[in-house]
Amino acid sequence: MHPVKCTIRRQEALGSPVSFPSLIQDEAGNERFEIKGVHRIFCDLLEKLELCLKELESQLVWLTKKEIRQCFSLKMHRERKDKNEELYKMFICRSHLLEELFEEIGHVDP
C-alpha cells in the first residue's frame, strides 16, 4: 500500500481515529452519510464559484478590446499623455509598434 494512503488511514481527526476502510465497506453509516453531505456541499459551492467567475468575466470583457485598453491606459497616465501624446500612443499600441518605430527612425537626420 502507498505510504500516503497508510498515513491518511492512520490519521486522527478531532481526537478520535477515523477508520477509512470502514467507511469504504459501508460499516459506518453516519460518518459515510456526513462525508457524502459535505462532499455535495463542496461541489455545490464550486459550481456557484464557477458561475460567479463566468459572470465577472462577462462584465470585464470590455478590457480585452484593444482600443478600449489603449484609451484606459492613456487615461491612467494623463500627465505624460499631455506632454507627448503621439509617442505615448505608440508605446501603448504594441501591435503597430515596430512599424511606427522604423518610420520614426527613417525620419531622423543623421
PDB file of N, CA and C in Angstrom:
ATOM      1  N   MET A   1       0.842  -1.178   0.000  1.00  0.00           N
ATOM      2  CA  MET A   1       0.000   0.000   0.000  1.00  0.00           C
ATOM      3  C   MET A   1       0.891   1.246   0.000  1.00  0.00           C
ATOM      4  N   HIS A   2       0.423   2.278  -0.683  1.00  0.00           N
ATOM      5  CA  HIS A   2       1.157   3.532  -0.802  1.00  0.00           C
ATOM      6  C   HIS A   2       1.321   4.179   0.575  1.00  0.00           C
ATOM      7  N   PRO A   3       2.508   4.737   0.892  1.00  0.00           N
ATOM      8  CA  PRO A   3       2.731   5.319   2.220  1.00  0.00           C
ATOM      9  C   PRO A   3       1.770   6.453   2.563  1.00  0.00           C
ATOM     10  N   VAL A   4       1.376   7.240   1.558  1.00  0.00           N
ATOM     11  CA  VAL A   4       0.446   8.343   1.832  1.00  0.00           C
ATOM     12  C   VAL A   4      -0.911   7.792   2.251  1.00  0.00           C
ATOM     13  N   LYS A   5      -1.378   6.754   1.570  1.00  0.00           N
ATOM     14  CA  LYS A   5      -2.660   6.140   1.941  1.00  0.00           C
ATOM     15  C   LYS A   5      -2.600   5.562   3.346  1.00  0.00           C
ATOM     16  N   CYS A   6      -1.479   4.928   3.687  1.00  0.00           N
ATOM     17  CA  CYS A   6      -1.326   4.377   5.043  1.00  0.00           C
ATOM     18  C   CYS A   6      -1.397   5.487   6.082  1.00  0.00           C
ATOM     19  N   THR A   7      -0.732   6.596   5.799  1.00  0.00           N
ATOM     20  CA  THR A   7      -0.728   7.716   6.740  1.00  0.00           C
ATOM     21  C   THR A   7      -2.121   8.295   6.896  1.00  0.00           C
ATOM     22  N   ILE A   8      -2.825   8.457   5.787  1.00  0.00           N
ATOM     23  CA  ILE A   8      -4.183   9.005   5.846  1.00  0.00           C
ATOM     24  C   ILE A   8      -5.101   8.086   6.641  1.00  0.00           C
ATOM     25  N   ARG A   9      -4.990   6.807   6.438  1.00  0.00           N
ATOM     26  CA  ARG A   9      -5.869   5.866   7.145  1.00  0.00           C
ATOM     27  C   ARG A   9      -5.570   5.813   8.630  1.00  0.00           C
ATOM     28  N   ARG A  10      -4.336   6.131   9.025  1.00  0.00           N
ATOM     29  CA  ARG A  10      -3.991   6.142  10.448  1.00  0.00           C
ATOM     30  C   ARG A  10      -4.221   7.513  11.086  1.00  0.00           C
ATOM     31  N   GLN A  11      -4.613   8.474  10.277  1.00  0.00           N
ATOM     32  CA  GLN A  11      -4.776   9.852  10.751  1.00  0.00           C
ATOM     33  C   GLN A  11      -5.896   9.942  11.790  1.00  0.00           C
ATOM     34  N   GLU A  12      -5.708  10.822  12.754  1.00  0.00           N
ATOM     35  CA  GLU A  12      -6.749  11.061  13.754  1.00  0.00           C
ATOM     36  C   GLU A  12      -7.363  12.426  13.510  1.00  0.00           C
ATOM     37  N   ALA A  13      -8.678  12.493  13.451  1.00  0.00           N
ATOM     38  CA  ALA A  13      -9.388  13.745  13.233  1.00  0.00           C
ATOM     39  C   ALA A  13     -10.179  14.096  14.481  1.00  0.00           C
ATOM     40  N   LEU A  14      -9.990  15.285  14.965  1.00  0.00           N
ATOM     41  CA  LEU A  14     -10.699  15.792  16.142  1.00  0.00           C
ATOM     42  C   LEU A  14     -10.543  14.880  17.355  1.00  0.00           C
ATOM     43  N   GLY A  15      -9.386  14.294  17.509  1.00  0.00           N
ATOM     44  CA  GLY A  15      -9.095  13.494  18.684  1.00  0.00           C
ATOM     45  C   GLY A  15      -9.582  12.065  18.637  1.00  0.00           C
ATOM     46  N   SER A  16     -10.313  11.674  17.625  1.00  0.00           N
ATOM     47  CA  SER A  16     -10.769  10.283  17.543  1.00  0.00           C
ATOM     48  C   SER A  16     -10.298   9.688  16.220  1.00  0.00           C
ATOM     49  N   PRO A  17      -9.895   8.433  16.244  1.00  0.00           N
ATOM     50  CA  PRO A  17      -9.412   7.828  14.999  1.00  0.00           C
ATOM     51  C   PRO A  17     -10.536   7.664  13.984  1.00  0.00           C
ATOM     52  N   VAL A  18     -10.214   7.919  12.735  1.00  0.00           N
ATOM     53  CA  VAL A  18     -11.170   7.747  11.647  1.00  0.00           C
ATOM     54  C   VAL A  18     -10.751   6.518  10.868  1.00  0.00           C
ATOM     55  N   SER A  19     -11.627   5.572  10.742  1.00  0.00           N
ATOM     56  CA  SER A  19     -11.326   4.326  10.050  1.00  0.00           C
ATOM     57  C   SER A  19     -11.844   4.412   8.620  1.00  0.00           C
ATOM     58  N   PHE A  20     -10.958   4.750   7.686  1.00  0.00           N
ATOM     59  CA  PHE A  20     -11.363   4.853   6.286  1.00  0.00           C
ATOM     60  C   PHE A  20     -11.815   3.520   5.700  1.00  0.00           C
ATOM     61  N   PRO A  21     -11.162   2.405   6.033  1.00  0.00           N
ATOM     62  CA  PRO A  21     -11.667   1.144   5.477  1.00  0.00           C
ATOM     63  C   PRO A  21     -13.108   0.870   5.874  1.00  0.00           C
ATOM     64  N   SER A  22     -13.490   1.233   7.097  1.00  0.00           N
ATOM     65  CA  SER A  22     -14.879   1.002   7.500  1.00  0.00           C
ATOM     66  C   SER A  22     -15.833   1.900   6.720  1.00  0.00           C
ATOM     67  N   LEU A  23     -15.381   3.097   6.359  1.00  0.00           N
ATOM     68  CA  LEU A  23     -16.224   3.979   5.555  1.00  0.00           C
ATOM     69  C   LEU A  23     -16.405   3.422   4.149  1.00  0.00           C
ATOM     70  N   ILE A  24     -15.357   2.844   3.620  1.00  0.00           N
ATOM     71  CA  ILE A  24     -15.419   2.282   2.275  1.00  0.00           C
ATOM     72  C   ILE A  24     -16.305   1.043   2.248  1.00  0.00           C
ATOM     73  N   GLN A  25     -16.274   0.254   3.290  1.00  0.00           N
ATOM     74  CA  GLN A  25     -17.011  -1.011   3.316  1.00  0.00           C
ATOM     75  C   GLN A  25     -18.423  -0.874   3.882  1.00  0.00           C
ATOM     76  N   ASP A  26     -18.945   0.333   3.972  1.00  0.00           N
ATOM     77  CA  ASP A  26     -20.305   0.587   4.466  1.00  0.00           C
ATOM     78  C   ASP A  26     -20.524   0.127   5.904  1.00  0.00           C
ATOM     79  N   GLU A  27     -19.474   0.047   6.715  1.00  0.00           N
ATOM     80  CA  GLU A  27     -19.644  -0.341   8.114  1.00  0.00           C
ATOM     81  C   GLU A  27     -20.056   0.841   8.975  1.00  0.00           C
ATOM     82  N   ALA A  28     -19.736   2.058   8.532  1.00  0.00           N
ATOM     83  CA  ALA A  28     -20.057   3.251   9.312  1.00  0.00           C
ATOM     84  C   ALA A  28     -21.138   4.031   8.582  1.00  0.00           C
ATOM     85  N   GLY A  29     -22.337   4.010   9.112  1.00  0.00           N
ATOM     86  CA  GLY A  29     -23.461   4.658   8.446  1.00  0.00           C
ATOM     87  C   GLY A  29     -23.450   6.167   8.547  1.00  0.00           C
ATOM     88  N   ASN A  30     -23.372   6.706   9.775  1.00  0.00           N
ATOM     89  CA  ASN A  30     -23.454   8.150   9.974  1.00  0.00           C
ATOM     90  C   ASN A  30     -22.267   8.887   9.374  1.00  0.00           C
ATOM     91  N   GLU A  31     -21.056   8.373   9.588  1.00  0.00           N
ATOM     92  CA  GLU A  31     -19.868   9.045   9.069  1.00  0.00           C
ATOM     93  C   GLU A  31     -19.902   9.102   7.544  1.00  0.00           C
ATOM     94  N   ARG A  32     -20.278   8.003   6.945  1.00  0.00           N
ATOM     95  CA  ARG A  32     -20.347   7.947   5.476  1.00  0.00           C
ATOM     96  C   ARG A  32     -21.384   8.942   4.956  1.00  0.00           C
ATOM     97  N   PHE A  33     -22.534   9.014   5.613  1.00  0.00           N
ATOM     98  CA  PHE A  33     -23.590   9.937   5.210  1.00  0.00           C
ATOM     99  C   PHE A  33     -23.115  11.386   5.346  1.00  0.00           C
ATOM    100  N   GLU A  34     -22.427  11.705   6.458  1.00  0.00           N
ATOM    101  CA  GLU A  34     -21.932  13.063   6.678  1.00  0.00           C
ATOM    102  C   GLU A  34     -20.867  13.448   5.654  1.00  0.00           C
ATOM    103  N   ILE A  35     -19.980  12.515   5.339  1.00  0.00           N
ATOM    104  CA  ILE A  35     -18.943  12.803   4.351  1.00  0.00           C
ATOM    105  C   ILE A  35     -19.564  13.043   2.980  1.00  0.00           C
ATOM    106  N   LYS A  36     -20.563  12.250   2.618  1.00  0.00           N
ATOM    107  CA  LYS A  36     -21.251  12.469   1.344  1.00  0.00           C
ATOM    108  C   LYS A  36     -21.938  13.837   1.325  1.00  0.00           C
ATOM    109  N   GLY A  37     -22.534  14.221   2.461  1.00  0.00           N
ATOM    110  CA  GLY A  37     -23.190  15.527   2.544  1.00  0.00           C
ATOM    111  C   GLY A  37     -22.210  16.674   2.396  1.00  0.00           C
ATOM    112  N   VAL A  38     -21.074  16.563   3.053  1.00  0.00           N
ATOM    113  CA  VAL A  38     -20.042  17.601   2.947  1.00  0.00           C
ATOM    114  C   VAL A  38     -19.516  17.665   1.511  1.00  0.00           C
ATOM    115  N   HIS A  39     -19.340  16.508   0.898  1.00  0.00           N
ATOM    116  CA  HIS A  39     -18.875  16.471  -0.493  1.00  0.00           C
ATOM    117  C   HIS A  39     -19.881  17.154  -1.419  1.00  0.00           C
ATOM    118  N   ARG A  40     -21.155  16.904  -1.202  1.00  0.00           N
ATOM    119  CA  ARG A  40     -22.205  17.522  -2.014  1.00  0.00           C
ATOM    120  C   ARG A  40     -22.194  19.042  -1.838  1.00  0.00           C
ATOM    121  N   ILE A  41     -22.052  19.505  -0.602  1.00  0.00           N
ATOM    122  CA  ILE A  41     -21.990  20.948  -0.334  1.00  0.00           C
ATOM    123  C   ILE A  41     -20.779  21.563  -1.022  1.00  0.00           C
ATOM    124  N   PHE A  42     -19.639  20.890  -0.933  1.00  0.00           N
ATOM    125  CA  PHE A  42     -18.415  21.376  -1.558  1.00  0.00           C
ATOM    126  C   PHE A  42     -18.588  21.490  -3.076  1.00  0.00           C
ATOM    127  N   CYS A  43     -19.192  20.485  -3.699  1.00  0.00           N
ATOM    128  CA  CYS A  43     -19.419  20.519  -5.152  1.00  0.00           C
ATOM    129  C   CYS A  43     -20.373  21.650  -5.531  1.00  0.00           C
ATOM    130  N   ASP A  44     -21.412  21.872  -4.730  1.00  0.00           N
ATOM    131  CA  ASP A  44     -22.340  22.977  -4.986  1.00  0.00           C
ATOM    132  C   ASP A  44     -21.630  24.321  -4.905  1.00  0.00           C
ATOM    133  N   LEU A  45     -20.768  24.479  -3.910  1.00  0.00           N
ATOM    134  CA  LEU A  45     -20.015  25.728  -3.775  1.00  0.00           C
ATOM    135  C   LEU A  45     -19.083  25.944  -4.960  1.00  0.00           C
ATOM    136  N   LEU A  46     -18.460  24.885  -5.439  1.00  0.00           N
ATOM    137  CA  LEU A  46     -17.590  25.007  -6.610  1.00  0.00           C
ATOM    138  C   LEU A  46     -18.379  25.436  -7.845  1.00  0.00           C
ATOM    139  N   GLU A  47     -19.578  24.889  -8.012  1.00  0.00           N
ATOM    140  CA  GLU A  47     -20.420  25.276  -9.146  1.00  0.00           C
ATOM    141  C   GLU A  47     -20.835  26.742  -9.045  1.00  0.00           C
ATOM    142  N   LYS A  48     -21.198  27.200  -7.840  1.00  0.00           N
ATOM    143  CA  LYS A  48     -21.573  28.604  -7.655  1.00  0.00           C
ATOM    144  C   LYS A  48     -20.384  29.520  -7.907  1.00  0.00           C
ATOM    145  N   LEU A  49     -19.209  29.103  -7.470  1.00  0.00           N
ATOM    146  CA  LEU A  49     -17.999  29.883  -7.711  1.00  0.00           C
ATOM    147  C   LEU A  49     -17.725  29.997  -9.204  1.00  0.00           C
ATOM    148  N   GLU A  50     -17.906  28.904  -9.926  1.00  0.00           N
ATOM    149  CA  GLU A  50     -17.699  28.925 -11.378  1.00  0.00           C
ATOM    150  C   GLU A  50     -18.675  29.885 -12.053  1.00  0.00           C
ATOM    151  N   LEU A  51     -19.932  29.891 -11.626  1.00  0.00           N
ATOM    152  CA  LEU A  51     -20.918  30.815 -12.190  1.00  0.00           C
ATOM    153  C   LEU A  51     -20.546  32.267 -11.901  1.00  0.00           C
ATOM    154  N   CYS A  52     -20.094  32.535 -10.678  1.00  0.00           N
ATOM    155  CA  CYS A  52     -19.685  33.895 -10.322  1.00  0.00           C
ATOM    156  C   CYS A  52     -18.497  34.351 -11.164  1.00  0.00           C
ATOM    157  N   LEU A  53     -17.531  33.472 -11.365  1.00  0.00           N
ATOM    158  CA  LEU A  53     -16.362  33.825 -12.170  1.00  0.00           C
ATOM    159  C   LEU A  53     -16.739  34.063 -13.630  1.00  0.00           C
ATOM    160  N   LYS A  54     -17.671  33.276 -14.165  1.00  0.00           N
ATOM    161  CA  LYS A  54     -18.122  33.491 -15.541  1.00  0.00           C
ATOM    162  C   LYS A  54     -18.828  34.834 -15.672  1.00  0.00           C
ATOM    163  N   GLU A  55     -19.648  35.190 -14.689  1.00  0.00           N
ATOM    164  CA  GLU A  55     -20.348  36.471 -14.723  1.00  0.00           C
ATOM    165  C   GLU A  55     -19.359  37.624 -14.636  1.00  0.00           C
ATOM    166  N   LEU A  56     -18.375  37.505 -13.766  1.00  0.00           N
ATOM    167  CA  LEU A  56     -17.354  38.537 -13.640  1.00  0.00           C
ATOM    168  C   LEU A  56     -16.573  38.684 -14.938  1.00  0.00           C
ATOM    169  N   GLU A  57     -16.249  37.571 -15.557  1.00  0.00           N
ATOM    170  CA  GLU A  57     -15.524  37.601 -16.830  1.00  0.00           C
ATOM    171  C   GLU A  57     -16.350  38.302 -17.907  1.00  0.00           C
ATOM    172  N   SER A  58     -17.654  38.045 -17.940  1.00  0.00           N
ATOM    173  CA  SER A  58     -18.503  38.694 -18.943  1.00  0.00           C
ATOM    174  C   SER A  58     -18.624  40.195 -18.683  1.00  0.00           C
ATOM    175  N   GLN A  59     -18.549  40.609 -17.425  1.00  0.00           N
ATOM    176  CA  GLN A  59     -18.622  42.033 -17.107  1.00  0.00           C
ATOM    177  C   GLN A  59     -17.332  42.763 -17.470  1.00  0.00           C
ATOM    178  N   LEU A  60     -16.217  42.052 -17.483  1.00  0.00           N
ATOM    179  CA  LEU A  60     -14.928  42.690 -17.748  1.00  0.00           C
ATOM    180  C   LEU A  60     -14.409  42.417 -19.153  1.00  0.00           C
ATOM    181  N   VAL A  61     -15.255  41.906 -20.037  1.00  0.00           N
ATOM    182  CA  VAL A  61     -14.811  41.580 -21.390  1.00  0.00           C
ATOM    183  C   VAL A  61     -14.367  42.830 -22.151  1.00  0.00           C
ATOM    184  N   TRP A  62     -14.891  43.992 -21.791  1.00  0.00           N
ATOM    185  CA  TRP A  62     -14.528  45.224 -22.477  1.00  0.00           C
ATOM    186  C   TRP A  62     -13.047  45.543 -22.330  1.00  0.00           C
ATOM    187  N   LEU A  63     -12.414  45.040 -21.291  1.00  0.00           N
ATOM    188  CA  LEU A  63     -10.985  45.298 -21.110  1.00  0.00           C
ATOM    189  C   LEU A  63     -10.125  44.545 -22.118  1.00  0.00           C
ATOM    190  N   THR A  64     -10.689  43.570 -22.790  1.00  0.00           N
ATOM    191  CA  THR A  64      -9.893  42.794 -23.734  1.00  0.00           C
ATOM    192  C   THR A  64      -9.866  43.412 -25.125  1.00  0.00           C
ATOM    193  N   LYS A  65     -10.677  44.398 -25.386  1.00  0.00           N
ATOM    194  CA  LYS A  65     -10.668  45.046 -26.687  1.00  0.00           C
ATOM    195  C   LYS A  65      -9.515  46.049 -26.740  1.00  0.00           C
ATOM    196  N   LYS A  66      -8.758  46.014 -27.831  1.00  0.00           N
ATOM    197  CA  LYS A  66      -7.515  46.772 -27.948  1.00  0.00           C
ATOM    198  C   LYS A  66      -7.723  48.279 -27.777  1.00  0.00           C
ATOM    199  N   GLU A  67      -8.689  48.854 -28.486  1.00  0.00           N
ATOM    200  CA  GLU A  67      -8.889  50.298 -28.443  1.00  0.00           C
ATOM    201  C   GLU A  67      -9.301  50.760 -27.044  1.00  0.00           C
ATOM    202  N   ILE A  68     -10.127  49.970 -26.399  1.00  0.00           N
ATOM    203  CA  ILE A  68     -10.582  50.339 -25.058  1.00  0.00           C
ATOM    204  C   ILE A  68      -9.426  50.250 -24.068  1.00  0.00           C
ATOM    205  N   ARG A  69      -8.594  49.208 -24.198  1.00  0.00           N
ATOM    206  CA  ARG A  69      -7.418  49.095 -23.324  1.00  0.00           C
ATOM    207  C   ARG A  69      -6.489  50.278 -23.524  1.00  0.00           C
ATOM    208  N   GLN A  70      -6.305  50.684 -24.794  1.00  0.00           N
ATOM    209  CA  GLN A  70      -5.419  51.803 -25.086  1.00  0.00           C
ATOM    210  C   GLN A  70      -5.960  53.087 -24.462  1.00  0.00           C
ATOM    211  N   CYS A  71      -7.244  53.343 -24.635  1.00  0.00           N
ATOM    212  CA  CYS A  71      -7.862  54.539 -24.057  1.00  0.00           C
ATOM    213  C   CYS A  71      -7.766  54.518 -22.536  1.00  0.00           C
ATOM    214  N   PHE A  72      -8.028  53.370 -21.947  1.00  0.00           N
ATOM    215  CA  PHE A  72      -7.953  53.224 -20.493  1.00  0.00           C
ATOM    216  C   PHE A  72      -6.534  53.502 -19.995  1.00  0.00           C
ATOM    217  N   SER A  73      -5.538  52.975 -20.697  1.00  0.00           N
ATOM    218  CA  SER A  73      -4.142  53.189 -20.300  1.00  0.00           C
ATOM    219  C   SER A  73      -3.758  54.651 -20.424  1.00  0.00           C
ATOM    220  N   LEU A  74      -4.202  55.302 -21.503  1.00  0.00           N
ATOM    221  CA  LEU A  74      -3.881  56.719 -21.679  1.00  0.00           C
ATOM    222  C   LEU A  74      -4.527  57.576 -20.595  1.00  0.00           C
ATOM    223  N   LYS A  75      -5.737  57.228 -20.195  1.00  0.00           N
ATOM    224  CA  LYS A  75      -6.393  57.990 -19.133  1.00  0.00           C
ATOM    225  C   LYS A  75      -5.697  57.800 -17.789  1.00  0.00           C
ATOM    226  N   MET A  76      -5.127  56.619 -17.583  1.00  0.00           N
ATOM    227  CA  MET A  76      -4.416  56.375 -16.330  1.00  0.00           C
ATOM    228  C   MET A  76      -3.149  57.215 -16.236  1.00  0.00           C
ATOM    229  N   HIS A  77      -2.566  57.537 -17.378  1.00  0.00           N
ATOM    230  CA  HIS A  77      -1.301  58.277 -17.399  1.00  0.00           C
ATOM    231  C   HIS A  77      -1.483  59.612 -18.116  1.00  0.00           C
ATOM    232  N   ARG A  78      -2.483  60.362 -17.731  1.00  0.00           N
ATOM    233  CA  ARG A  78      -2.845  61.606 -18.409  1.00  0.00           C
ATOM    234  C   ARG A  78      -1.714  62.630 -18.406  1.00  0.00           C
ATOM    235  N   GLU A  79      -0.964  62.761 -17.318  1.00  0.00           N
ATOM    236  CA  GLU A  79       0.080  63.785 -17.254  1.00  0.00           C
ATOM    237  C   GLU A  79       1.168  63.540 -18.297  1.00  0.00           C
ATOM    238  N   ARG A  80       1.498  62.328 -18.575  1.00  0.00           N
ATOM    239  CA  ARG A  80       2.504  62.033 -19.598  1.00  0.00           C
ATOM    240  C   ARG A  80       1.906  62.150 -20.995  1.00  0.00           C
ATOM    241  N   LYS A  81       0.658  61.838 -21.124  1.00  0.00           N
ATOM    242  CA  LYS A  81      -0.014  61.907 -22.418  1.00  0.00           C
ATOM    243  C   LYS A  81      -0.026  63.341 -22.930  1.00  0.00           C
ATOM    244  N   ASP A  82      -0.278  64.313 -22.049  1.00  0.00           N
ATOM    245  CA  ASP A  82      -0.359  65.708 -22.463  1.00  0.00           C
ATOM    246  C   ASP A  82       0.967  66.209 -23.018  1.00  0.00           C
ATOM    247  N   LYS A  83       2.069  65.734 -22.504  1.00  0.00           N
ATOM    248  CA  LYS A  83       3.385  66.208 -22.941  1.00  0.00           C
ATOM    249  C   LYS A  83       3.738  65.693 -24.335  1.00  0.00           C
ATOM    250  N   ASN A  84       3.529  64.420 -24.592  1.00  0.00           N
ATOM    251  CA  ASN A  84       3.954  63.833 -25.859  1.00  0.00           C
ATOM    252  C   ASN A  84       2.980  62.722 -26.253  1.00  0.00           C
ATOM    253  N   GLU A  85       1.817  63.122 -26.718  1.00  0.00           N
ATOM    254  CA  GLU A  85       0.722  62.181 -26.931  1.00  0.00           C
ATOM    255  C   GLU A  85       1.030  61.134 -28.004  1.00  0.00           C
ATOM    256  N   GLU A  86       1.634  61.533 -29.115  1.00  0.00           N
ATOM    257  CA  GLU A  86       1.881  60.582 -30.206  1.00  0.00           C
ATOM    258  C   GLU A  86       2.854  59.483 -29.794  1.00  0.00           C
ATOM    259  N   LEU A  87       3.940  59.831 -29.129  1.00  0.00           N
ATOM    260  CA  LEU A  87       4.897  58.812 -28.693  1.00  0.00           C
ATOM    261  C   LEU A  87       4.278  57.892 -27.650  1.00  0.00           C
ATOM    262  N   TYR A  88       3.437  58.466 -26.809  1.00  0.00           N
ATOM    263  CA  TYR A  88       2.818  57.642 -25.775  1.00  0.00           C
ATOM    264  C   TYR A  88       1.800  56.676 -26.374  1.00  0.00           C
ATOM    265  N   LYS A  89       1.060  57.133 -27.405  1.00  0.00           N
ATOM    266  CA  LYS A  89       0.131  56.234 -28.089  1.00  0.00           C
ATOM    267  C   LYS A  89       0.892  55.097 -28.759  1.00  0.00           C
ATOM    268  N   MET A  90       2.048  55.407 -29.329  1.00  0.00           N
ATOM    269  CA  MET A  90       2.860  54.375 -29.960  1.00  0.00           C
ATOM    270  C   MET A  90       3.302  53.350 -28.914  1.00  0.00           C
ATOM    271  N   PHE A  91       3.611  53.827 -27.727  1.00  0.00           N
ATOM    272  CA  PHE A  91       4.022  52.929 -26.649  1.00  0.00           C
ATOM    273  C   PHE A  91       2.875  52.012 -26.230  1.00  0.00           C
ATOM    274  N   ILE A  92       1.674  52.551 -26.146  1.00  0.00           N
ATOM    275  CA  ILE A  92       0.517  51.771 -25.721  1.00  0.00           C
ATOM    276  C   ILE A  92       0.096  50.783 -26.804  1.00  0.00           C
ATOM    277  N   CYS A  93       0.085  51.200 -28.050  1.00  0.00           N
ATOM    278  CA  CYS A  93      -0.383  50.352 -29.147  1.00  0.00           C
ATOM    279  C   CYS A  93       0.763  49.468 -29.624  1.00  0.00           C
ATOM    280  N   ARG A  94       0.899  48.305 -29.043  1.00  0.00           N
ATOM    281  CA  ARG A  94       2.027  47.428 -29.338  1.00  0.00           C
ATOM    282  C   ARG A  94       1.904  46.723 -30.679  1.00  0.00           C
ATOM    283  N   SER A  95       0.703  46.637 -31.228  1.00  0.00           N
ATOM    284  CA  SER A  95       0.542  45.899 -32.482  1.00  0.00           C
ATOM    285  C   SER A  95       1.238  46.599 -33.645  1.00  0.00           C
ATOM    286  N   HIS A  96       1.344  47.933 -33.596  1.00  0.00           N
ATOM    287  CA  HIS A  96       1.999  48.681 -34.671  1.00  0.00           C
ATOM    288  C   HIS A  96       3.312  49.294 -34.206  1.00  0.00           C
ATOM    289  N   LEU A  97       3.816  48.834 -33.118  1.00  0.00           N
ATOM    290  CA  LEU A  97       4.998  49.445 -32.522  1.00  0.00           C
ATOM    291  C   LEU A  97       6.201  49.399 -33.454  1.00  0.00           C
ATOM    292  N   LEU A  98       6.503  48.240 -34.020  1.00  0.00           N
ATOM    293  CA  LEU A  98       7.683  48.133 -34.883  1.00  0.00           C
ATOM    294  C   LEU A  98       7.538  48.975 -36.144  1.00  0.00           C
ATOM    295  N   GLU A  99       6.363  48.962 -36.769  1.00  0.00           N
ATOM    296  CA  GLU A  99       6.148  49.769 -37.969  1.00  0.00           C
ATOM    297  C   GLU A  99       6.382  51.242 -37.680  1.00  0.00           C
ATOM    298  N   GLU A 100       5.789  51.749 -36.621  1.00  0.00           N
ATOM    299  CA  GLU A 100       5.932  53.158 -36.284  1.00  0.00           C
ATOM    300  C   GLU A 100       7.353  53.487 -35.857  1.00  0.00           C
ATOM    301  N   LEU A 101       8.003  52.567 -35.196  1.00  0.00           N
ATOM    302  CA  LEU A 101       9.380  52.795 -34.770  1.00  0.00           C
ATOM    303  C   LEU A 101      10.304  52.937 -35.972  1.00  0.00           C
ATOM    304  N   PHE A 102      10.176  52.042 -36.954  1.00  0.00           N
ATOM    305  CA  PHE A 102      11.013  52.139 -38.151  1.00  0.00           C
ATOM    306  C   PHE A 102      10.677  53.389 -38.962  1.00  0.00           C
ATOM    307  N   GLU A 103       9.421  53.801 -38.960  1.00  0.00           N
ATOM    308  CA  GLU A 103       9.033  55.031 -39.641  1.00  0.00           C
ATOM    309  C   GLU A 103       9.687  56.238 -38.980  1.00  0.00           C
ATOM    310  N   GLU A 104       9.694  56.265 -37.651  1.00  0.00           N
ATOM    311  CA  GLU A 104      10.351  57.351 -36.916  1.00  0.00           C
ATOM    312  C   GLU A 104      11.852  57.354 -37.174  1.00  0.00           C
ATOM    313  N   ILE A 105      12.452  56.182 -37.209  1.00  0.00           N
ATOM    314  CA  ILE A 105      13.896  56.089 -37.462  1.00  0.00           C
ATOM    315  C   ILE A 105      14.210  56.605 -38.865  1.00  0.00           C
ATOM    316  N   GLY A 106      13.327  56.339 -39.825  1.00  0.00           N
ATOM    317  CA  GLY A 106      13.539  56.804 -41.198  1.00  0.00           C
ATOM    318  C   GLY A 106      13.503  58.309 -41.329  1.00  0.00           C
ATOM    319  N   HIS A 107      12.819  58.996 -40.426  1.00  0.00           N
ATOM    320  CA  HIS A 107      12.706  60.457 -40.491  1.00  0.00           C
ATOM    321  C   HIS A 107      13.786  61.175 -39.687  1.00  0.00           C
ATOM    322  N   VAL A 108      14.619  60.462 -38.991  1.00  0.00           N
ATOM    323  CA  VAL A 108      15.655  61.080 -38.157  1.00  0.00           C
ATOM    324  C   VAL A 108      16.828  61.495 -39.035  1.00  0.00           C
ATOM    325  N   ASP A 109      17.338  62.727 -38.812  1.00  0.00           N
ATOM    326  CA  ASP A 109      18.529  63.201 -39.530  1.00  0.00           C
ATOM    327  C   ASP A 109      19.776  62.626 -38.881  1.00  0.00           C
ATOM    328  N   PRO A 110      20.738  62.137 -39.715  1.00  0.00           N
ATOM    329  CA  PRO A 110      21.959  61.560 -39.127  1.00  0.00           C
ATOM    330  C   PRO A 110      22.891  62.600 -38.538  1.00  0.00           C
TER     331      PRO A 110
END
